[in-house]
Amino acid sequence: MTAVLYEKSGRIVTLTLNRAETRNALSSDVIDALVDGLRQANADESVSCVLIAGAGPGFSSGGNLHELRSLTTTKKLRRPEIEEWYRSGIQRIPATFNSIDVVTIAAVHGHAIGAGCDLAAMCDLRIAATNASFAESFVRVGLISGDGGAWFLPRVIGLARAREMMLTAQPVDAAKALSWGLVNAVVEKDRLMDAARDVAEQIASQPPNALRASKQLFRSIENLDLEGSLKIAATFQAMLQVQPDHLEAIDSILEKRTPRFTGSFS
């Protein structure tokens, strides 16, 4: 069985975690397939947006507890070996998210626990079903967020709320997640994928090179002051302004017609 399903429709790719029997735990095969899927979508210039969803009753239960336990009980790994296991394993997910230029949307239903919650936080946008529940539950098993959640989550909901989630390990329901800004919208479960696709289609209808440049801009100015960010913004703006899609966007508005974007660079 394929660990992550890859489906493309127009300019949108849907990656579905396909391990319902483990509640889509992020075991090694799922990690490999998810990273490969993200890279494949990013390399395809005809893709503008990636939806990430989970098969079965929930989004993702996070790390595979059996796999984690085996590191010390069966494999007898020492501390340096465990560090390398993280670097070459689950930490490839945040590294990939932080390097790709396609827009990502998490469609979350049921539980998004531990690394599953962090996975949702790595996406640009999050749409949740009314039954969604988010938890940073690492301390419950004597661990911390080893997959980049401590970097991503505060950037989504702020440091104080991220600390509350991480230190109490208490779940956050969909309504609270919406009020905290953890998700962008909450819809009925049976409308989740349609609602997520609606947002993806709105995004994918924009000029492809401007979308990717926007992602690059966000990443480039993350730790800069205003002066530095303005310099980079001017560079990106000059690059885009000489592209065919910029003129096509303006012409389509003035001519009141649907734009025909190519995503090409001149």
C-alpha atoms as a PDB file:
ATOM      1  CA  MET A   1       0.000   0.000   0.000  1.00  0.00           C
ATOM      2  CA  THR A   2       1.308   3.439  -0.962  1.00  0.00           C
ATOM      3  CA  ALA A   3       2.272   5.396   2.167  1.00  0.00           C
ATOM      4  CA  VAL A   4       1.262   8.776   0.699  1.00  0.00           C
ATOM      5  CA  LEU A   5      -1.085   9.143  -2.258  1.00  0.00           C
ATOM      6  CA  TYR A   6      -0.105  11.677  -4.930  1.00  0.00           C
ATOM      7  CA  GLU A   7      -2.983  13.087  -7.002  1.00  0.00           C
ATOM      8  CA  LYS A   8      -2.767  16.020  -9.398  1.00  0.00           C
ATOM      9  CA  SER A   9      -5.712  18.011 -10.743  1.00  0.00           C
ATOM     10  CA  GLY A  10      -4.901  21.124 -12.727  1.00  0.00           C
ATOM     11  CA  ARG A  11      -2.405  23.200 -10.769  1.00  0.00           C
ATOM     12  CA  ILE A  12      -3.247  21.462  -7.469  1.00  0.00           C
ATOM     13  CA  VAL A  13      -1.618  18.362  -5.976  1.00  0.00           C
ATOM     14  CA  THR A  14      -3.206  16.453  -3.104  1.00  0.00           C
ATOM     15  CA  LEU A  15      -0.922  14.418  -0.841  1.00  0.00           C
ATOM     16  CA  THR A  16      -2.890  12.042   1.373  1.00  0.00           C
ATOM     17  CA  LEU A  17      -1.208  10.303   4.296  1.00  0.00           C
ATOM     18  CA  ASN A  18      -2.371   6.753   3.662  1.00  0.00           C
ATOM     19  CA  ARG A  19      -1.715   4.802   6.854  1.00  0.00           C
ATOM     20  CA  ALA A  20      -5.172   4.801   8.430  1.00  0.00           C
ATOM     21  CA  GLU A  21      -4.334   1.675  10.448  1.00  0.00           C
ATOM     22  CA  THR A  22      -1.778   3.710  12.440  1.00  0.00           C
ATOM     23  CA  ARG A  23      -3.833   6.921  12.309  1.00  0.00           C
ATOM     24  CA  ASN A  24      -1.273   8.168   9.797  1.00  0.00           C
ATOM     25  CA  ALA A  25       1.660   8.016  12.187  1.00  0.00           C
ATOM     26  CA  LEU A  26       4.796   9.515  10.682  1.00  0.00           C
ATOM     27  CA  SER A  27       6.790   6.321  10.379  1.00  0.00           C
ATOM     28  CA  SER A  28       9.829   6.098   8.117  1.00  0.00           C
ATOM     29  CA  ASP A  29       7.906   5.081   4.990  1.00  0.00           C
ATOM     30  CA  VAL A  30       5.418   7.937   5.414  1.00  0.00           C
ATOM     31  CA  ILE A  31       8.248  10.434   5.952  1.00  0.00           C
ATOM     32  CA  ASP A  32      10.040   9.269   2.795  1.00  0.00           C
ATOM     33  CA  ALA A  33       6.891   9.381   0.686  1.00  0.00           C
ATOM     34  CA  LEU A  34       5.783  12.774   2.024  1.00  0.00           C
ATOM     35  CA  VAL A  35       9.176  14.368   1.396  1.00  0.00           C
ATOM     36  CA  ASP A  36       9.320  12.835  -2.088  1.00  0.00           C
ATOM     37  CA  GLY A  37       5.793  14.049  -2.861  1.00  0.00           C
ATOM     38  CA  LEU A  38       6.532  17.604  -1.741  1.00  0.00           C
ATOM     39  CA  ARG A  39       9.720  17.702  -3.779  1.00  0.00           C
ATOM     40  CA  GLN A  40       7.982  16.276  -6.839  1.00  0.00           C
ATOM     41  CA  ALA A  41       5.217  18.868  -6.644  1.00  0.00           C
ATOM     42  CA  ASN A  42       7.700  21.685  -6.129  1.00  0.00           C
ATOM     43  CA  ALA A  43       9.780  20.598  -9.127  1.00  0.00           C
ATOM     44  CA  ASP A  44       6.682  20.628 -11.351  1.00  0.00           C
ATOM     45  CA  GLU A  45       6.298  24.213 -12.579  1.00  0.00           C
ATOM     46  CA  SER A  46       2.659  23.547 -13.424  1.00  0.00           C
ATOM     47  CA  VAL A  47       1.846  23.047  -9.703  1.00  0.00           C
ATOM     48  CA  SER A  48       0.931  26.056  -7.580  1.00  0.00           C
ATOM     49  CA  CYS A  49      -0.649  24.518  -4.497  1.00  0.00           C
ATOM     50  CA  VAL A  50      -0.364  21.303  -2.466  1.00  0.00           C
ATOM     51  CA  LEU A  51      -3.144  19.997  -0.222  1.00  0.00           C
ATOM     52  CA  ILE A  52      -2.094  17.678   2.602  1.00  0.00           C
ATOM     53  CA  ALA A  53      -4.746  15.430   4.122  1.00  0.00           C
ATOM     54  CA  GLY A  54      -5.035  12.219   6.101  1.00  0.00           C
ATOM     55  CA  ALA A  55      -6.883   9.026   5.225  1.00  0.00           C
ATOM     56  CA  GLY A  56      -9.156   7.372   7.760  1.00  0.00           C
ATOM     57  CA  PRO A  57     -10.446   8.908  11.004  1.00  0.00           C
ATOM     58  CA  GLY A  58      -7.749  11.533  11.542  1.00  0.00           C
ATOM     59  CA  PHE A  59      -5.029  13.724  10.077  1.00  0.00           C
ATOM     60  CA  SER A  60      -1.974  12.289  11.854  1.00  0.00           C
ATOM     61  CA  SER A  61      -1.206  10.771  15.241  1.00  0.00           C
ATOM     62  CA  GLY A  62       2.381  12.032  15.030  1.00  0.00           C
ATOM     63  CA  GLY A  63       5.439   9.905  15.670  1.00  0.00           C
ATOM     64  CA  ASN A  64       5.093   6.135  15.591  1.00  0.00           C
ATOM     65  CA  LEU A  65       5.410   5.179  19.279  1.00  0.00           C
ATOM     66  CA  HIS A  66       6.419   1.594  18.504  1.00  0.00           C
ATOM     67  CA  GLU A  67       9.180   2.853  16.223  1.00  0.00           C
ATOM     68  CA  LEU A  68      10.336   5.384  18.816  1.00  0.00           C
ATOM     69  CA  ARG A  69      10.401   2.785  21.571  1.00  0.00           C
ATOM     70  CA  SER A  70      12.423   0.375  19.478  1.00  0.00           C
ATOM     71  CA  LEU A  71      15.265   2.868  19.113  1.00  0.00           C
ATOM     72  CA  THR A  72      16.441   2.200  22.655  1.00  0.00           C
ATOM     73  CA  THR A  73      14.792  -1.114  23.575  1.00  0.00           C
ATOM     74  CA  THR A  74      15.503  -3.115  20.403  1.00  0.00           C
ATOM     75  CA  LYS A  75      18.074  -1.267  18.340  1.00  0.00           C
ATOM     76  CA  LYS A  76      19.967  -0.077  21.431  1.00  0.00           C
ATOM     77  CA  LEU A  77      20.913   3.177  19.743  1.00  0.00           C
ATOM     78  CA  ARG A  78      23.210   5.548  21.607  1.00  0.00           C
ATOM     79  CA  ARG A  79      22.633   9.284  21.873  1.00  0.00           C
ATOM     80  CA  PRO A  80      24.676  10.270  18.761  1.00  0.00           C
ATOM     81  CA  GLU A  81      22.867   7.593  16.737  1.00  0.00           C
ATOM     82  CA  ILE A  82      19.463   8.833  17.901  1.00  0.00           C
ATOM     83  CA  GLU A  83      20.439  12.386  16.950  1.00  0.00           C
ATOM     84  CA  GLU A  84      21.356  11.191  13.470  1.00  0.00           C
ATOM     85  CA  TRP A  85      18.102   9.214  13.274  1.00  0.00           C
ATOM     86  CA  TYR A  86      16.173  12.458  13.752  1.00  0.00           C
ATOM     87  CA  ARG A  87      18.321  14.466  11.350  1.00  0.00           C
ATOM     88  CA  SER A  88      18.098  11.896   8.565  1.00  0.00           C
ATOM     89  CA  GLY A  89      14.462  11.014   9.322  1.00  0.00           C
ATOM     90  CA  ILE A  90      11.600  13.183  10.518  1.00  0.00           C
ATOM     91  CA  GLN A  91      13.601  16.416  10.401  1.00  0.00           C
ATOM     92  CA  ARG A  92      13.660  16.087   6.620  1.00  0.00           C
ATOM     93  CA  ILE A  93       9.979  17.118   6.691  1.00  0.00           C
ATOM     94  CA  PRO A  94      10.460  20.627   8.158  1.00  0.00           C
ATOM     95  CA  ALA A  95      13.610  21.104   6.099  1.00  0.00           C
ATOM     96  CA  THR A  96      11.623  20.313   2.956  1.00  0.00           C
ATOM     97  CA  PHE A  97       8.722  22.578   3.890  1.00  0.00           C
ATOM     98  CA  ASN A  98      11.165  25.399   4.504  1.00  0.00           C
ATOM     99  CA  SER A  99      12.763  24.989   1.083  1.00  0.00           C
ATOM    100  CA  ILE A 100       9.816  24.562  -1.288  1.00  0.00           C
ATOM    101  CA  ASP A 101       8.037  27.382  -3.124  1.00  0.00           C
ATOM    102  CA  VAL A 102       4.609  25.841  -3.785  1.00  0.00           C
ATOM    103  CA  VAL A 103       1.841  26.935  -1.414  1.00  0.00           C
ATOM    104  CA  THR A 104       0.794  24.252   1.087  1.00  0.00           C
ATOM    105  CA  ILE A 105      -2.581  23.788   2.777  1.00  0.00           C
ATOM    106  CA  ALA A 106      -3.350  21.276   5.540  1.00  0.00           C
ATOM    107  CA  ALA A 107      -6.882  19.844   5.529  1.00  0.00           C
ATOM    108  CA  VAL A 108      -7.246  18.579   9.094  1.00  0.00           C
ATOM    109  CA  HIS A 109      -9.931  16.289  10.456  1.00  0.00           C
ATOM    110  CA  GLY A 110      -9.848  14.257  13.651  1.00  0.00           C
ATOM    111  CA  HIS A 111      -6.618  14.220  15.597  1.00  0.00           C
ATOM    112  CA  ALA A 112      -3.464  16.138  14.708  1.00  0.00           C
ATOM    113  CA  ILE A 113      -1.213  15.052  17.551  1.00  0.00           C
ATOM    114  CA  GLY A 114       2.441  15.744  18.300  1.00  0.00           C
ATOM    115  CA  ALA A 115       4.351  15.677  15.034  1.00  0.00           C
ATOM    116  CA  GLY A 116       0.958  15.609  13.285  1.00  0.00           C
ATOM    117  CA  CYS A 117       0.134  18.976  14.831  1.00  0.00           C
ATOM    118  CA  ASP A 118       3.563  20.237  13.836  1.00  0.00           C
ATOM    119  CA  LEU A 119       3.013  19.005  10.281  1.00  0.00           C
ATOM    120  CA  ALA A 120      -0.124  21.139  10.056  1.00  0.00           C
ATOM    121  CA  ALA A 121       1.795  24.136  11.452  1.00  0.00           C
ATOM    122  CA  MET A 122       4.426  23.745   8.721  1.00  0.00           C
ATOM    123  CA  CYS A 123       1.815  24.424   6.039  1.00  0.00           C
ATOM    124  CA  ASP A 124       1.045  27.939   4.846  1.00  0.00           C
ATOM    125  CA  LEU A 125      -2.674  27.598   5.591  1.00  0.00           C
ATOM    126  CA  ARG A 126      -4.838  25.213   7.606  1.00  0.00           C
ATOM    127  CA  ILE A 127      -8.503  24.328   7.092  1.00  0.00           C
ATOM    128  CA  ALA A 128     -10.048  22.260   9.892  1.00  0.00           C
ATOM    129  CA  ALA A 129     -13.134  20.119  10.251  1.00  0.00           C
ATOM    130  CA  THR A 130     -15.341  20.726  13.281  1.00  0.00           C
ATOM    131  CA  ASN A 131     -14.071  17.455  14.788  1.00  0.00           C
ATOM    132  CA  ALA A 132     -10.393  18.452  14.495  1.00  0.00           C
ATOM    133  CA  SER A 133      -8.253  18.401  17.615  1.00  0.00           C
ATOM    134  CA  PHE A 134      -4.669  19.642  17.898  1.00  0.00           C
ATOM    135  CA  ALA A 135      -2.206  18.625  20.614  1.00  0.00           C
ATOM    136  CA  GLU A 136       1.478  19.170  21.311  1.00  0.00           C
ATOM    137  CA  SER A 137       1.643  16.013  23.393  1.00  0.00           C
ATOM    138  CA  PHE A 138       5.395  15.362  23.449  1.00  0.00           C
ATOM    139  CA  VAL A 139       5.906  15.928  27.194  1.00  0.00           C
ATOM    140  CA  ARG A 140       3.347  13.213  27.917  1.00  0.00           C
ATOM    141  CA  VAL A 141       5.840  10.673  26.608  1.00  0.00           C
ATOM    142  CA  GLY A 142       8.863  12.399  28.105  1.00  0.00           C
ATOM    143  CA  LEU A 143      10.010  14.100  24.913  1.00  0.00           C
ATOM    144  CA  ILE A 144      10.036  17.489  23.198  1.00  0.00           C
ATOM    145  CA  SER A 145       9.100  18.508  19.677  1.00  0.00           C
ATOM    146  CA  GLY A 146      12.034  17.055  17.760  1.00  0.00           C
ATOM    147  CA  ASP A 147      10.595  17.761  14.331  1.00  0.00           C
ATOM    148  CA  GLY A 148      10.726  21.557  14.176  1.00  0.00           C
ATOM    149  CA  GLY A 149       7.417  22.311  15.881  1.00  0.00           C
ATOM    150  CA  ALA A 150       9.077  24.606  18.421  1.00  0.00           C
ATOM    151  CA  TRP A 151      10.193  26.756  15.460  1.00  0.00           C
ATOM    152  CA  PHE A 152       7.019  26.658  13.344  1.00  0.00           C
ATOM    153  CA  LEU A 153       4.214  26.739  15.927  1.00  0.00           C
ATOM    154  CA  PRO A 154       5.133  30.052  17.657  1.00  0.00           C
ATOM    155  CA  ARG A 155       5.216  31.683  14.227  1.00  0.00           C
ATOM    156  CA  VAL A 156       1.607  30.602  13.716  1.00  0.00           C
ATOM    157  CA  ILE A 157      -0.027  31.239  17.120  1.00  0.00           C
ATOM    158  CA  GLY A 158       2.552  33.252  19.067  1.00  0.00           C
ATOM    159  CA  LEU A 159       5.043  32.212  21.714  1.00  0.00           C
ATOM    160  CA  ALA A 160       2.721  32.264  24.756  1.00  0.00           C
ATOM    161  CA  ARG A 161       0.094  29.993  23.212  1.00  0.00           C
ATOM    162  CA  ALA A 162       2.728  27.697  21.722  1.00  0.00           C
ATOM    163  CA  ARG A 163       4.258  27.325  25.177  1.00  0.00           C
ATOM    164  CA  GLU A 164       0.832  26.581  26.643  1.00  0.00           C
ATOM    165  CA  MET A 165       0.246  23.812  24.113  1.00  0.00           C
ATOM    166  CA  MET A 166       3.717  22.334  24.548  1.00  0.00           C
ATOM    167  CA  LEU A 167       3.921  22.514  28.348  1.00  0.00           C
ATOM    168  CA  THR A 168       0.383  21.380  29.213  1.00  0.00           C
ATOM    169  CA  ALA A 169      -0.023  18.861  26.355  1.00  0.00           C
ATOM    170  CA  GLN A 170      -3.739  19.678  26.436  1.00  0.00           C
ATOM    171  CA  PRO A 171      -5.717  19.346  23.197  1.00  0.00           C
ATOM    172  CA  VAL A 172      -7.065  22.379  21.373  1.00  0.00           C
ATOM    173  CA  ASP A 173     -10.406  21.892  19.646  1.00  0.00           C
ATOM    174  CA  ALA A 174     -11.351  23.384  16.304  1.00  0.00           C
ATOM    175  CA  ALA A 175     -13.155  26.404  17.754  1.00  0.00           C
ATOM    176  CA  LYS A 176     -10.217  27.393  19.945  1.00  0.00           C
ATOM    177  CA  ALA A 177      -7.791  26.685  17.103  1.00  0.00           C
ATOM    178  CA  LEU A 178      -9.727  29.175  14.974  1.00  0.00           C
ATOM    179  CA  SER A 179      -9.735  31.844  17.690  1.00  0.00           C
ATOM    180  CA  TRP A 180      -5.992  31.346  18.229  1.00  0.00           C
ATOM    181  CA  GLY A 181      -5.184  31.607  14.525  1.00  0.00           C
ATOM    182  CA  LEU A 182      -3.956  28.025  14.392  1.00  0.00           C
ATOM    183  CA  VAL A 183      -6.419  27.396  11.557  1.00  0.00           C
ATOM    184  CA  ASN A 184      -7.796  29.743   8.912  1.00  0.00           C
ATOM    185  CA  ALA A 185     -11.287  28.262   8.759  1.00  0.00           C
ATOM    186  CA  VAL A 186     -13.473  25.577  10.321  1.00  0.00           C
ATOM    187  CA  VAL A 187     -16.053  23.679   8.275  1.00  0.00           C
ATOM    188  CA  GLU A 188     -18.246  20.625   8.687  1.00  0.00           C
ATOM    189  CA  LYS A 189     -16.313  17.386   8.257  1.00  0.00           C
ATOM    190  CA  ASP A 190     -18.121  16.384   5.070  1.00  0.00           C
ATOM    191  CA  ARG A 191     -17.165  19.719   3.489  1.00  0.00           C
ATOM    192  CA  LEU A 192     -13.510  19.703   4.531  1.00  0.00           C
ATOM    193  CA  MET A 193     -11.868  18.663   1.281  1.00  0.00           C
ATOM    194  CA  ASP A 194     -14.224  20.766  -0.845  1.00  0.00           C
ATOM    195  CA  ALA A 195     -13.484  23.811   1.321  1.00  0.00           C
ATOM    196  CA  ALA A 196      -9.733  23.178   1.180  1.00  0.00           C
ATOM    197  CA  ARG A 197      -9.881  22.748  -2.606  1.00  0.00           C
ATOM    198  CA  ASP A 198     -11.848  25.988  -2.938  1.00  0.00           C
ATOM    199  CA  VAL A 199      -9.013  27.835  -1.194  1.00  0.00           C
ATOM    200  CA  ALA A 200      -6.426  25.962  -3.260  1.00  0.00           C
ATOM    201  CA  GLU A 201      -8.225  26.917  -6.473  1.00  0.00           C
ATOM    202  CA  GLN A 202      -8.331  30.577  -5.440  1.00  0.00           C
ATOM    203  CA  ILE A 203      -4.572  30.433  -4.885  1.00  0.00           C
ATOM    204  CA  ALA A 204      -3.857  28.436  -8.039  1.00  0.00           C
ATOM    205  CA  SER A 205      -5.757  30.988 -10.139  1.00  0.00           C
ATOM    206  CA  GLN A 206      -3.064  33.593  -9.400  1.00  0.00           C
ATOM    207  CA  PRO A 207       0.104  34.065 -11.491  1.00  0.00           C
ATOM    208  CA  PRO A 208       2.281  31.012 -10.694  1.00  0.00           C
ATOM    209  CA  ASN A 209       5.623  32.819 -10.576  1.00  0.00           C
ATOM    210  CA  ALA A 210       4.218  35.495  -8.238  1.00  0.00           C
ATOM    211  CA  LEU A 211       2.980  32.785  -5.861  1.00  0.00           C
ATOM    212  CA  ARG A 212       6.374  31.117  -5.701  1.00  0.00           C
ATOM    213  CA  ALA A 213       8.143  34.441  -5.362  1.00  0.00           C
ATOM    214  CA  SER A 214       5.843  35.319  -2.452  1.00  0.00           C
ATOM    215  CA  LYS A 215       6.931  32.164  -0.633  1.00  0.00           C
ATOM    216  CA  GLN A 216      10.569  32.978  -1.335  1.00  0.00           C
ATOM    217  CA  LEU A 217      10.052  36.527  -0.044  1.00  0.00           C
ATOM    218  CA  PHE A 218       8.476  35.366   3.229  1.00  0.00           C
ATOM    219  CA  ARG A 219      11.378  32.995   3.787  1.00  0.00           C
ATOM    220  CA  SER A 220      14.039  35.558   2.855  1.00  0.00           C
ATOM    221  CA  ILE A 221      12.840  38.303   5.216  1.00  0.00           C
ATOM    222  CA  GLU A 222      12.088  36.042   8.197  1.00  0.00           C
ATOM    223  CA  ASN A 223      14.866  37.469  10.352  1.00  0.00           C
ATOM    224  CA  LEU A 224      15.567  40.802   8.668  1.00  0.00           C
ATOM    225  CA  ASP A 225      14.793  44.345   9.746  1.00  0.00           C
ATOM    226  CA  LEU A 226      12.558  46.561   7.613  1.00  0.00           C
ATOM    227  CA  GLU A 227      15.433  48.043   5.594  1.00  0.00           C
ATOM    228  CA  GLY A 228      16.768  44.618   4.669  1.00  0.00           C
ATOM    229  CA  SER A 229      13.318  43.268   3.828  1.00  0.00           C
ATOM    230  CA  LEU A 230      12.583  46.237   1.558  1.00  0.00           C
ATOM    231  CA  LYS A 231      15.770  45.655  -0.418  1.00  0.00           C
ATOM    232  CA  ILE A 232      14.835  42.015  -1.026  1.00  0.00           C
ATOM    233  CA  ALA A 233      11.244  42.962  -1.859  1.00  0.00           C
ATOM    234  CA  ALA A 234      12.495  45.394  -4.500  1.00  0.00           C
ATOM    235  CA  THR A 235      14.620  42.639  -6.045  1.00  0.00           C
ATOM    236  CA  PHE A 236      11.692  40.235  -6.254  1.00  0.00           C
ATOM    237  CA  GLN A 237       9.366  42.944  -7.548  1.00  0.00           C
ATOM    238  CA  ALA A 238      11.763  43.902 -10.339  1.00  0.00           C
ATOM    239  CA  MET A 239      12.098  40.244 -11.323  1.00  0.00           C
ATOM    240  CA  LEU A 240       8.315  39.779 -11.526  1.00  0.00           C
ATOM    241  CA  GLN A 241       7.511  43.047 -13.208  1.00  0.00           C
ATOM    242  CA  VAL A 242       9.339  42.067 -16.399  1.00  0.00           C
ATOM    243  CA  GLN A 243       7.546  38.714 -16.661  1.00  0.00           C
ATOM    244  CA  PRO A 244       4.720  37.995 -19.148  1.00  0.00           C
ATOM    245  CA  ASP A 245       2.297  36.956 -16.380  1.00  0.00           C
ATOM    246  CA  HIS A 246       2.463  40.424 -14.813  1.00  0.00           C
ATOM    247  CA  LEU A 247       1.259  42.077 -18.024  1.00  0.00           C
ATOM    248  CA  GLU A 248      -1.284  39.299 -18.595  1.00  0.00           C
ATOM    249  CA  ALA A 249      -2.716  39.879 -15.116  1.00  0.00           C
ATOM    250  CA  ILE A 250      -3.140  43.602 -15.741  1.00  0.00           C
ATOM    251  CA  ASP A 251      -4.539  43.103 -19.243  1.00  0.00           C
ATOM    252  CA  SER A 252      -7.084  40.528 -18.057  1.00  0.00           C
ATOM    253  CA  ILE A 253      -8.338  42.919 -15.371  1.00  0.00           C
ATOM    254  CA  LEU A 254      -8.625  45.826 -17.785  1.00  0.00           C
ATOM    255  CA  GLU A 255     -10.257  43.639 -20.441  1.00  0.00           C
ATOM    256  CA  LYS A 256     -12.536  41.933 -17.880  1.00  0.00           C
ATOM    257  CA  ARG A 257     -11.607  38.403 -18.905  1.00  0.00           C
ATOM    258  CA  THR A 258     -10.098  35.280 -17.365  1.00  0.00           C
ATOM    259  CA  PRO A 259      -6.296  35.475 -17.296  1.00  0.00           C
ATOM    260  CA  ARG A 260      -4.150  32.963 -19.170  1.00  0.00           C
ATOM    261  CA  PHE A 261      -1.004  32.532 -17.074  1.00  0.00           C
ATOM    262  CA  THR A 262       1.974  30.520 -18.257  1.00  0.00           C
ATOM    263  CA  GLY A 263       4.231  30.629 -15.196  1.00  0.00           C
ATOM    264  CA  SER A 264       7.191  31.177 -17.494  1.00  0.00           C
ATOM    265  CA  PHE A 265      10.130  33.465 -16.821  1.00  0.00           C
ATOM    266  CA  SER A 266      11.598  35.630 -19.551  1.00  0.00           C
END
